[in-house]
Full PDB file with SEQRES, HELIX, SHEET, SSBOND, CRYST1, ORIGX, SCALE, CONECT and MASTER records, all heavy atoms in Angstrom:
SEQRES   1 A   30  ASN ILE TYR TYR SER ASP SER VAL LYS GLY ARG PHE ALA          
SEQRES   2 A   30  ILE SER ARG ASP ASN ALA LYS ASN THR VAL TYR LEU GLN          
SEQRES   3 A   30  MET ASN ASN LEU                                              
SHEET    1 AA1 2 PHE A  12  ASP A  17  0                                        
SHEET    2 AA1 2 THR A  22  MET A  27 -1                                        
CRYST1    1.000    1.000    1.000  90.00  90.00  90.00 P 1           1          
ORIGX1      1.000000  0.000000  0.000000        0.00000                         
ORIGX2      0.000000  1.000000  0.000000        0.00000                         
ORIGX3      0.000000  0.000000  1.000000        0.00000                         
SCALE1      1.000000  0.000000  0.000000        0.00000                         
SCALE2      0.000000  1.000000  0.000000        0.00000                         
SCALE3      0.000000  0.000000  1.000000        0.00000                         
ATOM      1  N   ASN A   1       0.804  -1.113   0.007  1.00  0.00           N  
ATOM      2  CA  ASN A   1      -0.010   0.033   0.040  1.00  0.00           C  
ATOM      3  C   ASN A   1       0.923   1.197  -0.064  1.00  0.00           C  
ATOM      4  O   ASN A   1       1.784   1.333   0.721  1.00  0.00           O  
ATOM      5  CB  ASN A   1      -0.957   0.060   1.276  1.00  0.00           C  
ATOM      6  CG  ASN A   1      -2.016  -1.048   1.144  1.00  0.00           C  
ATOM      7  OD1 ASN A   1      -2.431  -1.447   0.087  1.00  0.00           O  
ATOM      8  ND2 ASN A   1      -2.449  -1.425   2.325  1.00  0.00           N  
ATOM      9  N   ILE A   2       0.554   2.146  -0.930  1.00  0.00           N  
ATOM     10  CA  ILE A   2       1.415   3.381  -1.075  1.00  0.00           C  
ATOM     11  C   ILE A   2       0.505   4.585  -0.929  1.00  0.00           C  
ATOM     12  O   ILE A   2      -0.496   4.611  -1.495  1.00  0.00           O  
ATOM     13  CB  ILE A   2       2.124   3.399  -2.448  1.00  0.00           C  
ATOM     14  CG1 ILE A   2       3.041   2.128  -2.471  1.00  0.00           C  
ATOM     15  CG2 ILE A   2       2.873   4.686  -2.593  1.00  0.00           C  
ATOM     16  CD1 ILE A   2       3.506   1.850  -3.881  1.00  0.00           C  
ATOM     17  N   TYR A   3       1.000   5.638  -0.325  1.00  0.00           N  
ATOM     18  CA  TYR A   3       0.271   6.875  -0.133  1.00  0.00           C  
ATOM     19  C   TYR A   3       1.190   8.040  -0.132  1.00  0.00           C  
ATOM     20  O   TYR A   3       2.367   7.961   0.202  1.00  0.00           O  
ATOM     21  CB  TYR A   3      -0.787   6.919   1.065  1.00  0.00           C  
ATOM     22  CG  TYR A   3      -0.163   6.282   2.229  1.00  0.00           C  
ATOM     23  CD1 TYR A   3       0.501   7.027   3.203  1.00  0.00           C  
ATOM     24  CD2 TYR A   3      -0.214   4.878   2.478  1.00  0.00           C  
ATOM     25  CE1 TYR A   3       1.003   6.394   4.373  1.00  0.00           C  
ATOM     26  CE2 TYR A   3       0.343   4.240   3.629  1.00  0.00           C  
ATOM     27  CZ  TYR A   3       0.943   5.071   4.583  1.00  0.00           C  
ATOM     28  OH  TYR A   3       1.424   4.450   5.769  1.00  0.00           O  
ATOM     29  N   TYR A   4       0.717   9.069  -0.612  1.00  0.00           N  
ATOM     30  CA  TYR A   4       1.396  10.343  -0.892  1.00  0.00           C  
ATOM     31  C   TYR A   4       0.872  11.610  -0.211  1.00  0.00           C  
ATOM     32  O   TYR A   4      -0.395  11.598  -0.034  1.00  0.00           O  
ATOM     33  CB  TYR A   4       1.556  10.630  -2.291  1.00  0.00           C  
ATOM     34  CG  TYR A   4       2.179   9.518  -3.044  1.00  0.00           C  
ATOM     35  CD1 TYR A   4       1.370   8.611  -3.801  1.00  0.00           C  
ATOM     36  CD2 TYR A   4       3.511   9.309  -3.192  1.00  0.00           C  
ATOM     37  CE1 TYR A   4       1.855   7.488  -4.469  1.00  0.00           C  
ATOM     38  CE2 TYR A   4       4.060   8.251  -4.034  1.00  0.00           C  
ATOM     39  CZ  TYR A   4       3.180   7.417  -4.555  1.00  0.00           C  
ATOM     40  OH  TYR A   4       3.595   6.299  -5.392  1.00  0.00           O  
ATOM     41  N   SER A   5       1.609  12.525   0.084  1.00  0.00           N  
ATOM     42  CA  SER A   5       0.998  13.862   0.462  1.00  0.00           C  
ATOM     43  C   SER A   5       0.567  14.513  -0.800  1.00  0.00           C  
ATOM     44  O   SER A   5       0.912  14.251  -1.924  1.00  0.00           O  
ATOM     45  CB  SER A   5       2.121  14.685   1.149  1.00  0.00           C  
ATOM     46  OG  SER A   5       3.148  15.078   0.139  1.00  0.00           O  
ATOM     47  N   ASP A   6      -0.455  15.390  -0.449  1.00  0.00           N  
ATOM     48  CA  ASP A   6      -1.054  16.056  -1.619  1.00  0.00           C  
ATOM     49  C   ASP A   6      -0.013  16.934  -2.569  1.00  0.00           C  
ATOM     50  O   ASP A   6      -0.241  17.145  -3.716  1.00  0.00           O  
ATOM     51  CB  ASP A   6      -2.217  16.975  -1.170  1.00  0.00           C  
ATOM     52  CG  ASP A   6      -3.334  16.283  -0.617  1.00  0.00           C  
ATOM     53  OD1 ASP A   6      -3.501  15.121  -0.978  1.00  0.00           O  
ATOM     54  OD2 ASP A   6      -4.211  16.938   0.160  1.00  0.00           O  
ATOM     55  N   SER A   7       0.977  17.342  -1.892  1.00  0.00           N  
ATOM     56  CA  SER A   7       1.933  18.248  -2.516  1.00  0.00           C  
ATOM     57  C   SER A   7       2.814  17.420  -3.608  1.00  0.00           C  
ATOM     58  O   SER A   7       3.343  18.161  -4.475  1.00  0.00           O  
ATOM     59  CB  SER A   7       2.855  18.970  -1.659  1.00  0.00           C  
ATOM     60  OG  SER A   7       3.745  18.068  -0.873  1.00  0.00           O  
ATOM     61  N   VAL A   8       2.808  16.154  -3.473  1.00  0.00           N  
ATOM     62  CA  VAL A   8       3.560  15.462  -4.479  1.00  0.00           C  
ATOM     63  C   VAL A   8       2.839  14.449  -5.328  1.00  0.00           C  
ATOM     64  O   VAL A   8       3.311  13.819  -6.279  1.00  0.00           O  
ATOM     65  CB  VAL A   8       4.675  14.645  -3.872  1.00  0.00           C  
ATOM     66  CG1 VAL A   8       5.677  15.754  -2.989  1.00  0.00           C  
ATOM     67  CG2 VAL A   8       4.195  13.549  -2.849  1.00  0.00           C  
ATOM     68  N   LYS A   9       1.555  14.334  -5.114  1.00  0.00           N  
ATOM     69  CA  LYS A   9       0.680  13.430  -5.856  1.00  0.00           C  
ATOM     70  C   LYS A   9       0.659  13.674  -7.278  1.00  0.00           C  
ATOM     71  O   LYS A   9       0.535  14.888  -7.668  1.00  0.00           O  
ATOM     72  CB  LYS A   9      -0.865  13.354  -5.263  1.00  0.00           C  
ATOM     73  CG  LYS A   9      -1.044  12.705  -3.928  1.00  0.00           C  
ATOM     74  CD  LYS A   9      -2.413  12.726  -3.689  1.00  0.00           C  
ATOM     75  CE  LYS A   9      -2.753  12.074  -2.260  1.00  0.00           C  
ATOM     76  NZ  LYS A   9      -4.129  12.060  -1.958  1.00  0.00           N  
ATOM     77  N   GLY A  10       0.841  12.731  -8.122  1.00  0.00           N  
ATOM     78  CA  GLY A  10       0.775  12.794  -9.516  1.00  0.00           C  
ATOM     79  C   GLY A  10       2.245  13.119 -10.053  1.00  0.00           C  
ATOM     80  O   GLY A  10       2.551  13.118 -11.260  1.00  0.00           O  
ATOM     81  N   ARG A  11       3.293  13.416  -9.223  1.00  0.00           N  
ATOM     82  CA  ARG A  11       4.593  13.818  -9.598  1.00  0.00           C  
ATOM     83  C   ARG A  11       5.545  12.789  -9.116  1.00  0.00           C  
ATOM     84  O   ARG A  11       6.567  12.505  -9.705  1.00  0.00           O  
ATOM     85  CB  ARG A  11       5.017  15.226  -9.242  1.00  0.00           C  
ATOM     86  CG  ARG A  11       4.177  16.257  -9.755  1.00  0.00           C  
ATOM     87  CD  ARG A  11       4.718  17.681  -9.611  1.00  0.00           C  
ATOM     88  NE  ARG A  11       4.835  17.983  -8.186  1.00  0.00           N  
ATOM     89  CZ  ARG A  11       5.910  18.250  -7.445  1.00  0.00           C  
ATOM     90  NH1 ARG A  11       7.130  18.291  -8.055  1.00  0.00           N  
ATOM     91  NH2 ARG A  11       5.838  18.523  -6.188  1.00  0.00           N  
ATOM     92  N   PHE A  12       5.403  12.312  -7.924  1.00  0.00           N  
ATOM     93  CA  PHE A  12       6.260  11.483  -7.145  1.00  0.00           C  
ATOM     94  C   PHE A  12       5.703   9.945  -7.074  1.00  0.00           C  
ATOM     95  O   PHE A  12       4.351   9.984  -7.088  1.00  0.00           O  
ATOM     96  CB  PHE A  12       6.649  11.843  -5.692  1.00  0.00           C  
ATOM     97  CG  PHE A  12       7.420  13.089  -5.674  1.00  0.00           C  
ATOM     98  CD1 PHE A  12       7.674  13.985  -6.780  1.00  0.00           C  
ATOM     99  CD2 PHE A  12       8.017  13.447  -4.426  1.00  0.00           C  
ATOM    100  CE1 PHE A  12       8.539  15.100  -6.533  1.00  0.00           C  
ATOM    101  CE2 PHE A  12       8.756  14.580  -4.307  1.00  0.00           C  
ATOM    102  CZ  PHE A  12       8.966  15.447  -5.329  1.00  0.00           C  
ATOM    103  N   ALA A  13       6.536   9.052  -7.166  1.00  0.00           N  
ATOM    104  CA  ALA A  13       6.058   7.580  -7.092  1.00  0.00           C  
ATOM    105  C   ALA A  13       7.067   6.832  -6.313  1.00  0.00           C  
ATOM    106  O   ALA A  13       8.239   6.924  -6.551  1.00  0.00           O  
ATOM    107  CB  ALA A  13       5.858   7.066  -8.521  1.00  0.00           C  
ATOM    108  N   ILE A  14       6.548   6.053  -5.340  1.00  0.00           N  
ATOM    109  CA  ILE A  14       7.264   5.193  -4.493  1.00  0.00           C  
ATOM    110  C   ILE A  14       7.178   3.724  -5.062  1.00  0.00           C  
ATOM    111  O   ILE A  14       6.051   3.256  -5.396  1.00  0.00           O  
ATOM    112  CB  ILE A  14       6.763   5.189  -3.006  1.00  0.00           C  
ATOM    113  CG1 ILE A  14       6.948   6.570  -2.494  1.00  0.00           C  
ATOM    114  CG2 ILE A  14       7.468   4.122  -2.154  1.00  0.00           C  
ATOM    115  CD1 ILE A  14       6.376   6.731  -1.061  1.00  0.00           C  
ATOM    116  N   SER A  15       8.346   3.094  -5.141  1.00  0.00           N  
ATOM    117  CA  SER A  15       8.290   1.704  -5.538  1.00  0.00           C  
ATOM    118  C   SER A  15       9.282   0.916  -4.746  1.00  0.00           C  
ATOM    119  O   SER A  15      10.039   1.562  -3.920  1.00  0.00           O  
ATOM    120  CB  SER A  15       8.532   1.500  -7.033  1.00  0.00           C  
ATOM    121  OG  SER A  15       9.844   2.125  -7.386  1.00  0.00           O  
ATOM    122  N   ARG A  16       9.330  -0.459  -4.893  1.00  0.00           N  
ATOM    123  CA  ARG A  16      10.290  -1.269  -4.105  1.00  0.00           C  
ATOM    124  C   ARG A  16      10.990  -2.217  -5.011  1.00  0.00           C  
ATOM    125  O   ARG A  16      10.399  -2.670  -5.993  1.00  0.00           O  
ATOM    126  CB  ARG A  16       9.579  -1.789  -2.985  1.00  0.00           C  
ATOM    127  CG  ARG A  16       8.513  -2.870  -3.405  1.00  0.00           C  
ATOM    128  CD  ARG A  16       7.850  -3.445  -2.282  1.00  0.00           C  
ATOM    129  NE  ARG A  16       6.803  -4.440  -2.584  1.00  0.00           N  
ATOM    130  CZ  ARG A  16       6.016  -5.148  -1.790  1.00  0.00           C  
ATOM    131  NH1 ARG A  16       6.069  -4.941  -0.556  1.00  0.00           N  
ATOM    132  NH2 ARG A  16       5.213  -5.940  -2.226  1.00  0.00           N  
ATOM    133  N   ASP A  17      12.057  -2.759  -4.582  1.00  0.00           N  
ATOM    134  CA  ASP A  17      12.753  -3.862  -5.143  1.00  0.00           C  
ATOM    135  C   ASP A  17      13.069  -4.818  -3.920  1.00  0.00           C  
ATOM    136  O   ASP A  17      14.041  -4.554  -3.197  1.00  0.00           O  
ATOM    137  CB  ASP A  17      14.110  -3.463  -5.863  1.00  0.00           C  
ATOM    138  CG  ASP A  17      14.664  -4.532  -6.554  1.00  0.00           C  
ATOM    139  OD1 ASP A  17      14.581  -5.655  -6.312  1.00  0.00           O  
ATOM    140  OD2 ASP A  17      15.270  -4.291  -7.725  1.00  0.00           O  
ATOM    141  N   ASN A  18      12.167  -5.913  -4.019  1.00  0.00           N  
ATOM    142  CA  ASN A  18      12.344  -6.833  -2.813  1.00  0.00           C  
ATOM    143  C   ASN A  18      13.727  -7.474  -2.923  1.00  0.00           C  
ATOM    144  O   ASN A  18      14.299  -7.746  -1.829  1.00  0.00           O  
ATOM    145  CB  ASN A  18      11.329  -7.888  -2.959  1.00  0.00           C  
ATOM    146  CG  ASN A  18       9.949  -7.279  -2.579  1.00  0.00           C  
ATOM    147  OD1 ASN A  18       9.743  -6.148  -2.014  1.00  0.00           O  
ATOM    148  ND2 ASN A  18       8.910  -7.983  -3.064  1.00  0.00           N  
ATOM    149  N   ALA A  19      14.304  -7.800  -3.957  1.00  0.00           N  
ATOM    150  CA  ALA A  19      15.579  -8.516  -4.224  1.00  0.00           C  
ATOM    151  C   ALA A  19      16.708  -7.633  -3.562  1.00  0.00           C  
ATOM    152  O   ALA A  19      17.602  -8.143  -2.971  1.00  0.00           O  
ATOM    153  CB  ALA A  19      15.799  -8.934  -5.550  1.00  0.00           C  
ATOM    154  N   LYS A  20      16.629  -6.425  -3.740  1.00  0.00           N  
ATOM    155  CA  LYS A  20      17.612  -5.436  -3.202  1.00  0.00           C  
ATOM    156  C   LYS A  20      17.311  -4.875  -1.883  1.00  0.00           C  
ATOM    157  O   LYS A  20      18.057  -4.092  -1.361  1.00  0.00           O  
ATOM    158  CB  LYS A  20      17.778  -4.329  -4.177  1.00  0.00           C  
ATOM    159  CG  LYS A  20      18.408  -4.766  -5.606  1.00  0.00           C  
ATOM    160  CD  LYS A  20      18.546  -3.576  -6.474  1.00  0.00           C  
ATOM    161  CE  LYS A  20      19.075  -3.967  -7.979  1.00  0.00           C  
ATOM    162  NZ  LYS A  20      19.355  -2.803  -8.782  1.00  0.00           N  
ATOM    163  N   ASN A  21      16.017  -5.164  -1.450  1.00  0.00           N  
ATOM    164  CA  ASN A  21      15.574  -4.590  -0.150  1.00  0.00           C  
ATOM    165  C   ASN A  21      15.700  -3.003  -0.076  1.00  0.00           C  
ATOM    166  O   ASN A  21      16.187  -2.432   0.691  1.00  0.00           O  
ATOM    167  CB  ASN A  21      16.430  -5.156   1.054  1.00  0.00           C  
ATOM    168  CG  ASN A  21      15.532  -5.104   2.252  1.00  0.00           C  
ATOM    169  OD1 ASN A  21      14.319  -5.283   2.362  1.00  0.00           O  
ATOM    170  ND2 ASN A  21      16.217  -4.926   3.428  1.00  0.00           N  
ATOM    171  N   THR A  22      15.182  -2.550  -1.272  1.00  0.00           N  
ATOM    172  CA  THR A  22      15.439  -1.114  -1.514  1.00  0.00           C  
ATOM    173  C   THR A  22      13.993  -0.423  -2.005  1.00  0.00           C  
ATOM    174  O   THR A  22      13.184  -1.043  -2.649  1.00  0.00           O  
ATOM    175  CB  THR A  22      16.431  -0.903  -2.658  1.00  0.00           C  
ATOM    176  OG1 THR A  22      17.645  -1.266  -2.203  1.00  0.00           O  
ATOM    177  CG2 THR A  22      16.455   0.610  -2.974  1.00  0.00           C  
ATOM    178  N   VAL A  23      13.828   0.661  -1.405  1.00  0.00           N  
ATOM    179  CA  VAL A  23      12.614   1.496  -1.764  1.00  0.00           C  
ATOM    180  C   VAL A  23      13.092   2.729  -2.455  1.00  0.00           C  
ATOM    181  O   VAL A  23      14.094   3.334  -2.286  1.00  0.00           O  
ATOM    182  CB  VAL A  23      11.803   1.896  -0.534  1.00  0.00           C  
ATOM    183  CG1 VAL A  23      10.677   2.796  -0.861  1.00  0.00           C  
ATOM    184  CG2 VAL A  23      11.272   0.733   0.236  1.00  0.00           C  
ATOM    185  N   TYR A  24      12.284   3.103  -3.578  1.00  0.00           N  
ATOM    186  CA  TYR A  24      12.667   4.218  -4.426  1.00  0.00           C  
ATOM    187  C   TYR A  24      11.623   5.220  -4.395  1.00  0.00           C  
ATOM    188  O   TYR A  24      10.436   5.008  -4.156  1.00  0.00           O  
ATOM    189  CB  TYR A  24      12.804   3.750  -5.860  1.00  0.00           C  
ATOM    190  CG  TYR A  24      13.748   2.725  -6.125  1.00  0.00           C  
ATOM    191  CD1 TYR A  24      13.469   1.289  -6.097  1.00  0.00           C  
ATOM    192  CD2 TYR A  24      15.182   2.928  -6.257  1.00  0.00           C  
ATOM    193  CE1 TYR A  24      14.276   0.262  -6.426  1.00  0.00           C  
ATOM    194  CE2 TYR A  24      16.032   1.859  -6.451  1.00  0.00           C  
ATOM    195  CZ  TYR A  24      15.669   0.570  -6.479  1.00  0.00           C  
ATOM    196  OH  TYR A  24      16.545  -0.373  -6.661  1.00  0.00           O  
ATOM    197  N   LEU A  25      12.115   6.573  -4.436  1.00  0.00           N  
ATOM    198  CA  LEU A  25      11.172   7.593  -4.618  1.00  0.00           C  
ATOM    199  C   LEU A  25      11.529   8.294  -5.981  1.00  0.00           C  
ATOM    200  O   LEU A  25      12.534   8.953  -6.120  1.00  0.00           O  
ATOM    201  CB  LEU A  25      11.385   8.702  -3.520  1.00  0.00           C  
ATOM    202  CG  LEU A  25      10.513   9.929  -3.654  1.00  0.00           C  
ATOM    203  CD1 LEU A  25       9.066   9.600  -3.436  1.00  0.00           C  
ATOM    204  CD2 LEU A  25      10.952  10.870  -2.483  1.00  0.00           C  
ATOM    205  N   GLN A  26      10.722   7.986  -7.025  1.00  0.00           N  
ATOM    206  CA  GLN A  26      10.865   8.675  -8.309  1.00  0.00           C  
ATOM    207  C   GLN A  26      10.254   9.987  -8.208  1.00  0.00           C  
ATOM    208  O   GLN A  26       8.936  10.147  -7.876  1.00  0.00           O  
ATOM    209  CB  GLN A  26      10.131   7.809  -9.342  1.00  0.00           C  
ATOM    210  CG  GLN A  26      10.362   8.394 -10.737  1.00  0.00           C  
ATOM    211  CD  GLN A  26      11.621   8.450 -11.372  1.00  0.00           C  
ATOM    212  OE1 GLN A  26      12.391   7.458 -11.242  1.00  0.00           O  
ATOM    213  NE2 GLN A  26      11.951   9.571 -11.896  1.00  0.00           N  
ATOM    214  N   MET A  27      10.963  10.993  -8.569  1.00  0.00           N  
ATOM    215  CA  MET A  27      10.505  12.347  -8.450  1.00  0.00           C  
ATOM    216  C   MET A  27      10.462  13.005  -9.913  1.00  0.00           C  
ATOM    217  O   MET A  27      11.566  13.114 -10.555  1.00  0.00           O  
ATOM    218  CB  MET A  27      11.390  13.218  -7.673  1.00  0.00           C  
ATOM    219  CG  MET A  27      11.304  12.611  -6.140  1.00  0.00           C  
ATOM    220  SD  MET A  27      12.276  13.730  -5.031  1.00  0.00           S  
ATOM    221  CE  MET A  27      13.868  13.555  -5.714  1.00  0.00           C  
ATOM    222  N   ASN A  28       9.408  13.310 -10.403  1.00  0.00           N  
ATOM    223  CA  ASN A  28       9.263  13.870 -11.726  1.00  0.00           C  
ATOM    224  C   ASN A  28       8.726  15.375 -11.634  1.00  0.00           C  
ATOM    225  O   ASN A  28       8.077  15.738 -10.637  1.00  0.00           O  
ATOM    226  CB  ASN A  28       8.278  13.067 -12.575  1.00  0.00           C  
ATOM    227  CG  ASN A  28       8.710  11.598 -12.794  1.00  0.00           C  
ATOM    228  OD1 ASN A  28       9.899  11.437 -13.035  1.00  0.00           O  
ATOM    229  ND2 ASN A  28       7.789  10.731 -12.662  1.00  0.00           N  
ATOM    230  N   ASN A  29       8.953  16.142 -12.739  1.00  0.00           N  
ATOM    231  CA  ASN A  29       8.547  17.642 -12.816  1.00  0.00           C  
ATOM    232  C   ASN A  29       8.861  18.266 -11.596  1.00  0.00           C  
ATOM    233  O   ASN A  29       8.033  18.858 -10.894  1.00  0.00           O  
ATOM    234  CB  ASN A  29       6.903  17.508 -13.037  1.00  0.00           C  
ATOM    235  CG  ASN A  29       6.589  18.948 -13.528  1.00  0.00           C  
ATOM    236  OD1 ASN A  29       7.230  19.711 -13.936  1.00  0.00           O  
ATOM    237  ND2 ASN A  29       5.241  19.166 -13.224  1.00  0.00           N  
ATOM    238  N   LEU A  30      10.146  18.191 -11.201  1.00  0.00           N  
ATOM    239  CA  LEU A  30      10.673  18.822  -9.982  1.00  0.00           C  
ATOM    240  C   LEU A  30      10.417  20.357 -10.083  1.00  0.00           C  
ATOM    241  O   LEU A  30      10.729  20.894 -11.101  1.00  0.00           O  
ATOM    242  CB  LEU A  30      12.019  18.419  -9.630  1.00  0.00           C  
ATOM    243  CG  LEU A  30      12.100  17.005  -9.025  1.00  0.00           C  
ATOM    244  CD1 LEU A  30      13.570  16.542  -9.277  1.00  0.00           C  
ATOM    245  CD2 LEU A  30      11.758  16.953  -7.579  1.00  0.00           C  
TER     246      LEU A  30                                                      
MASTER        0    0    0    0    2    0    0    6  245    1    0    3          
END                                                                             
């Protein structure tokens, strides 16, 4: 389950890589 603040909705995206045990924050249109 993923949720965002209103200030970044539609621009930022959270994802994960289980194999690397890593979470990403993709930030677009900065």
